[in-house]
Each structure stands twice: as structure tokens, then as C-alpha cells.
């Protein structure tokens, strides 16, 4: 599994766990909802600043986006 896919899987999992929609997370992080969707589909790579903003809004350490998903 590529790093971009690991990030995408964890972003989606953490967003769901927080009960936020893509639109709400994007709004809180100052991002476009379509961009969050692209990140979750591993169609785009985030910058470090974006990772930091998403982590802040999801109340997690940025490194959590890079945990290898179970079963992989």
C-alpha cells in the first residue's frame, strides 16, 4: 500500500470517527470539500500544512495519518 493510500484510508477513518462530513471538515480546516474528497480517494497528495490543519480539526497528532491500516 502506497503512502498516499495509507493517508487516504486514515483520513477517511478519522473523519468518520469524529462524525464529520467531508464538507464540515473542509470548512473547519479552510479547505475545499472537493479537495478533501480527492485526498480520501488518494487522487491528490496533501502538503504538510494541509496535514497539520486536518490533524488539528480532527484532534489527532499528524503522525496518525500514517499508521498502517489493520490487515495491510
N, C-alpha and C. Protein backbone atom coordinates (compact mmCIF):
# COMPACT_ATOMS: atom_id res chain seq x y z
N UNK A 1 0.84 -1.17 0.00
CA UNK A 1 0.00 0.00 0.00
C UNK A 1 0.89 1.24 0.00
N UNK A 2 0.64 2.15 -0.92
CA UNK A 2 1.43 3.37 -1.04
C UNK A 2 1.08 4.35 0.07
N UNK A 3 2.01 5.23 0.39
CA UNK A 3 1.83 6.19 1.46
C UNK A 3 0.59 7.05 1.24
N UNK A 4 0.35 7.45 0.00
CA UNK A 4 -0.84 8.26 -0.30
C UNK A 4 -2.12 7.49 0.03
N UNK A 5 -2.14 6.19 -0.24
CA UNK A 5 -3.31 5.36 0.08
C UNK A 5 -3.48 5.19 1.59
N UNK A 6 -2.37 5.05 2.30
CA UNK A 6 -2.42 4.95 3.76
C UNK A 6 -3.00 6.24 4.33
N UNK A 7 -2.52 7.38 3.84
CA UNK A 7 -3.05 8.66 4.29
C UNK A 7 -4.55 8.74 4.02
N UNK A 8 -4.96 8.40 2.81
CA UNK A 8 -6.37 8.48 2.42
C UNK A 8 -7.26 7.61 3.32
N UNK A 9 -6.82 6.38 3.56
CA UNK A 9 -7.58 5.46 4.41
C UNK A 9 -7.72 6.02 5.82
N UNK A 10 -6.63 6.53 6.36
CA UNK A 10 -6.67 7.07 7.72
C UNK A 10 -7.46 8.37 7.81
N UNK A 11 -7.36 9.21 6.82
CA UNK A 11 -8.16 10.44 6.82
C UNK A 11 -9.64 10.10 6.86
N UNK A 12 -10.06 9.20 6.00
CA UNK A 12 -11.47 8.80 5.95
C UNK A 12 -11.91 8.19 7.29
N UNK A 13 -11.07 7.30 7.85
CA UNK A 13 -11.39 6.63 9.12
C UNK A 13 -11.49 7.65 10.26
N UNK A 14 -10.53 8.55 10.34
CA UNK A 14 -10.53 9.54 11.41
C UNK A 14 -11.68 10.53 11.26
N UNK A 15 -12.01 10.89 10.04
CA UNK A 15 -13.14 11.80 9.81
C UNK A 15 -14.44 11.13 10.22
N UNK A 16 -14.63 9.88 9.84
CA UNK A 16 -15.84 9.15 10.23
C UNK A 16 -15.92 9.03 11.75
N UNK A 17 -14.80 8.72 12.38
CA UNK A 17 -14.77 8.57 13.85
C UNK A 17 -15.15 9.87 14.55
N UNK A 18 -14.85 10.98 13.92
CA UNK A 18 -15.18 12.27 14.52
C UNK A 18 -16.61 12.69 14.22
N UNK A 19 -17.27 11.97 13.32
CA UNK A 19 -18.66 12.28 12.97
C UNK A 19 -18.81 13.47 12.03
N UNK A 20 -17.75 13.82 11.34
CA UNK A 20 -17.79 14.96 10.43
C UNK A 20 -17.99 14.51 8.99
N UNK A 21 -18.72 15.32 8.24
CA UNK A 21 -18.82 15.09 6.80
C UNK A 21 -17.57 15.69 6.15
N UNK A 22 -17.34 15.34 4.90
CA UNK A 22 -16.23 15.94 4.16
C UNK A 22 -16.41 17.46 4.12
N UNK A 23 -17.64 17.89 3.92
CA UNK A 23 -17.91 19.32 3.82
C UNK A 23 -17.60 20.04 5.13
N UNK A 24 -18.02 19.46 6.26
CA UNK A 24 -17.77 20.09 7.55
C UNK A 24 -16.28 20.13 7.87
N UNK A 25 -15.58 19.03 7.63
CA UNK A 25 -14.14 19.00 7.87
C UNK A 25 -13.43 20.03 7.01
N UNK A 26 -13.80 20.08 5.74
CA UNK A 26 -13.19 21.05 4.83
C UNK A 26 -13.43 22.47 5.32
N UNK A 27 -14.64 22.78 5.71
CA UNK A 27 -14.97 24.12 6.20
C UNK A 27 -14.13 24.47 7.42
N UNK A 28 -14.06 23.57 8.38
CA UNK A 28 -13.31 23.83 9.61
C UNK A 28 -11.81 24.00 9.34
N UNK A 29 -11.29 23.26 8.36
CA UNK A 29 -9.86 23.30 8.05
C UNK A 29 -9.52 24.37 7.02
N UNK A 30 -10.54 25.07 6.50
CA UNK A 30 -10.30 26.09 5.49
C UNK A 30 -9.90 25.53 4.14
N UNK A 31 -10.47 24.36 3.82
CA UNK A 31 -10.16 23.68 2.57
C UNK A 31 -11.42 23.54 1.72
N UNK A 32 -11.25 23.22 0.47
CA UNK A 32 -12.37 22.94 -0.42
C UNK A 32 -12.85 21.51 -0.20
N UNK A 33 -14.16 21.30 -0.16
CA UNK A 33 -14.70 19.97 0.06
C UNK A 33 -14.25 18.99 -1.01
N UNK A 34 -14.17 19.46 -2.25
CA UNK A 34 -13.71 18.58 -3.32
C UNK A 34 -12.28 18.12 -3.09
N UNK A 35 -11.46 18.98 -2.53
CA UNK A 35 -10.07 18.64 -2.23
C UNK A 35 -10.01 17.54 -1.17
N UNK A 36 -10.83 17.65 -0.14
CA UNK A 36 -10.88 16.61 0.89
C UNK A 36 -11.29 15.28 0.26
N UNK A 37 -12.25 15.31 -0.65
CA UNK A 37 -12.66 14.10 -1.36
C UNK A 37 -11.52 13.51 -2.17
N UNK A 38 -10.75 14.36 -2.84
CA UNK A 38 -9.60 13.89 -3.61
C UNK A 38 -8.56 13.25 -2.70
N UNK A 39 -8.35 13.84 -1.53
CA UNK A 39 -7.40 13.26 -0.57
C UNK A 39 -7.87 11.89 -0.10
N UNK A 40 -9.17 11.77 0.18
CA UNK A 40 -9.71 10.50 0.68
C UNK A 40 -9.71 9.41 -0.40
N UNK A 41 -9.68 9.79 -1.65
CA UNK A 41 -9.62 8.82 -2.75
C UNK A 41 -8.19 8.59 -3.22
N UNK A 42 -7.24 9.20 -2.53
CA UNK A 42 -5.81 9.10 -2.87
C UNK A 42 -5.54 9.62 -4.28
N UNK A 43 -6.35 10.57 -4.72
CA UNK A 43 -6.17 11.16 -6.04
C UNK A 43 -5.28 12.39 -5.99
N UNK A 44 -4.97 12.85 -4.77
CA UNK A 44 -4.13 14.02 -4.59
C UNK A 44 -3.28 13.82 -3.35
N UNK A 45 -2.15 14.50 -3.29
CA UNK A 45 -1.27 14.43 -2.12
C UNK A 45 -1.36 15.73 -1.34
N UNK A 46 -1.47 15.64 -0.01
CA UNK A 46 -1.57 16.86 0.79
C UNK A 46 -0.20 17.47 1.07
N UNK A 47 -0.19 18.77 1.32
CA UNK A 47 1.02 19.42 1.79
C UNK A 47 1.13 19.19 3.30
N UNK A 48 2.29 19.48 3.85
CA UNK A 48 2.45 19.38 5.30
C UNK A 48 1.51 20.34 6.02
N UNK A 49 1.31 21.52 5.47
CA UNK A 49 0.38 22.47 6.09
C UNK A 49 -1.04 21.91 6.11
N UNK A 50 -1.45 21.25 5.03
CA UNK A 50 -2.78 20.65 4.98
C UNK A 50 -2.90 19.53 6.00
N UNK A 51 -1.89 18.70 6.10
CA UNK A 51 -1.90 17.62 7.09
C UNK A 51 -2.08 18.20 8.48
N UNK A 52 -1.34 19.26 8.77
CA UNK A 52 -1.43 19.90 10.09
C UNK A 52 -2.82 20.46 10.35
N UNK A 53 -3.42 21.10 9.36
CA UNK A 53 -4.77 21.66 9.51
C UNK A 53 -5.81 20.57 9.74
N UNK A 54 -5.71 19.49 8.98
CA UNK A 54 -6.65 18.38 9.14
C UNK A 54 -6.48 17.73 10.51
N UNK A 55 -5.25 17.53 10.93
CA UNK A 55 -4.99 16.92 12.23
C UNK A 55 -5.56 17.78 13.36
N UNK A 56 -5.38 19.08 13.25
CA UNK A 56 -5.92 19.99 14.25
C UNK A 56 -7.43 19.85 14.36
N UNK A 57 -8.11 19.85 13.23
CA UNK A 57 -9.58 19.76 13.23
C UNK A 57 -10.08 18.40 13.67
N UNK A 58 -9.30 17.36 13.46
CA UNK A 58 -9.69 16.01 13.88
C UNK A 58 -9.15 15.69 15.28
N UNK A 59 -8.43 16.62 15.87
CA UNK A 59 -7.88 16.48 17.23
C UNK A 59 -7.00 15.23 17.36
N UNK A 60 -6.11 15.06 16.38
CA UNK A 60 -5.16 13.94 16.40
C UNK A 60 -3.77 14.47 16.08
N UNK A 61 -2.77 13.71 16.43
CA UNK A 61 -1.41 14.04 16.04
C UNK A 61 -1.26 13.75 14.54
N UNK A 62 -0.56 14.59 13.80
CA UNK A 62 -0.41 14.37 12.36
C UNK A 62 0.12 12.98 11.99
N UNK A 63 0.95 12.41 12.82
CA UNK A 63 1.53 11.10 12.53
C UNK A 63 0.45 10.01 12.42
N UNK A 64 -0.72 10.23 13.01
CA UNK A 64 -1.80 9.25 12.95
C UNK A 64 -2.26 8.98 11.52
N UNK A 65 -2.05 9.93 10.62
CA UNK A 65 -2.43 9.73 9.22
C UNK A 65 -1.56 8.69 8.53
N UNK A 66 -0.46 8.32 9.16
CA UNK A 66 0.50 7.42 8.53
C UNK A 66 0.59 6.06 9.21
N UNK A 67 -0.34 5.80 10.14
CA UNK A 67 -0.42 4.46 10.75
C UNK A 67 -0.84 3.46 9.69
N UNK A 68 -0.14 2.34 9.62
CA UNK A 68 -0.52 1.32 8.64
C UNK A 68 -1.87 0.73 9.03
N UNK A 69 -2.86 0.75 8.12
CA UNK A 69 -4.18 0.20 8.44
C UNK A 69 -4.11 -1.29 8.76
N UNK A 70 -4.97 -1.73 9.64
CA UNK A 70 -5.02 -3.16 10.01
C UNK A 70 -5.29 -4.01 8.78
N UNK A 71 -4.60 -5.14 8.71
CA UNK A 71 -4.80 -6.06 7.59
C UNK A 71 -3.96 -5.76 6.37
N UNK A 72 -3.09 -4.77 6.46
CA UNK A 72 -2.23 -4.44 5.29
C UNK A 72 -0.79 -4.62 5.64
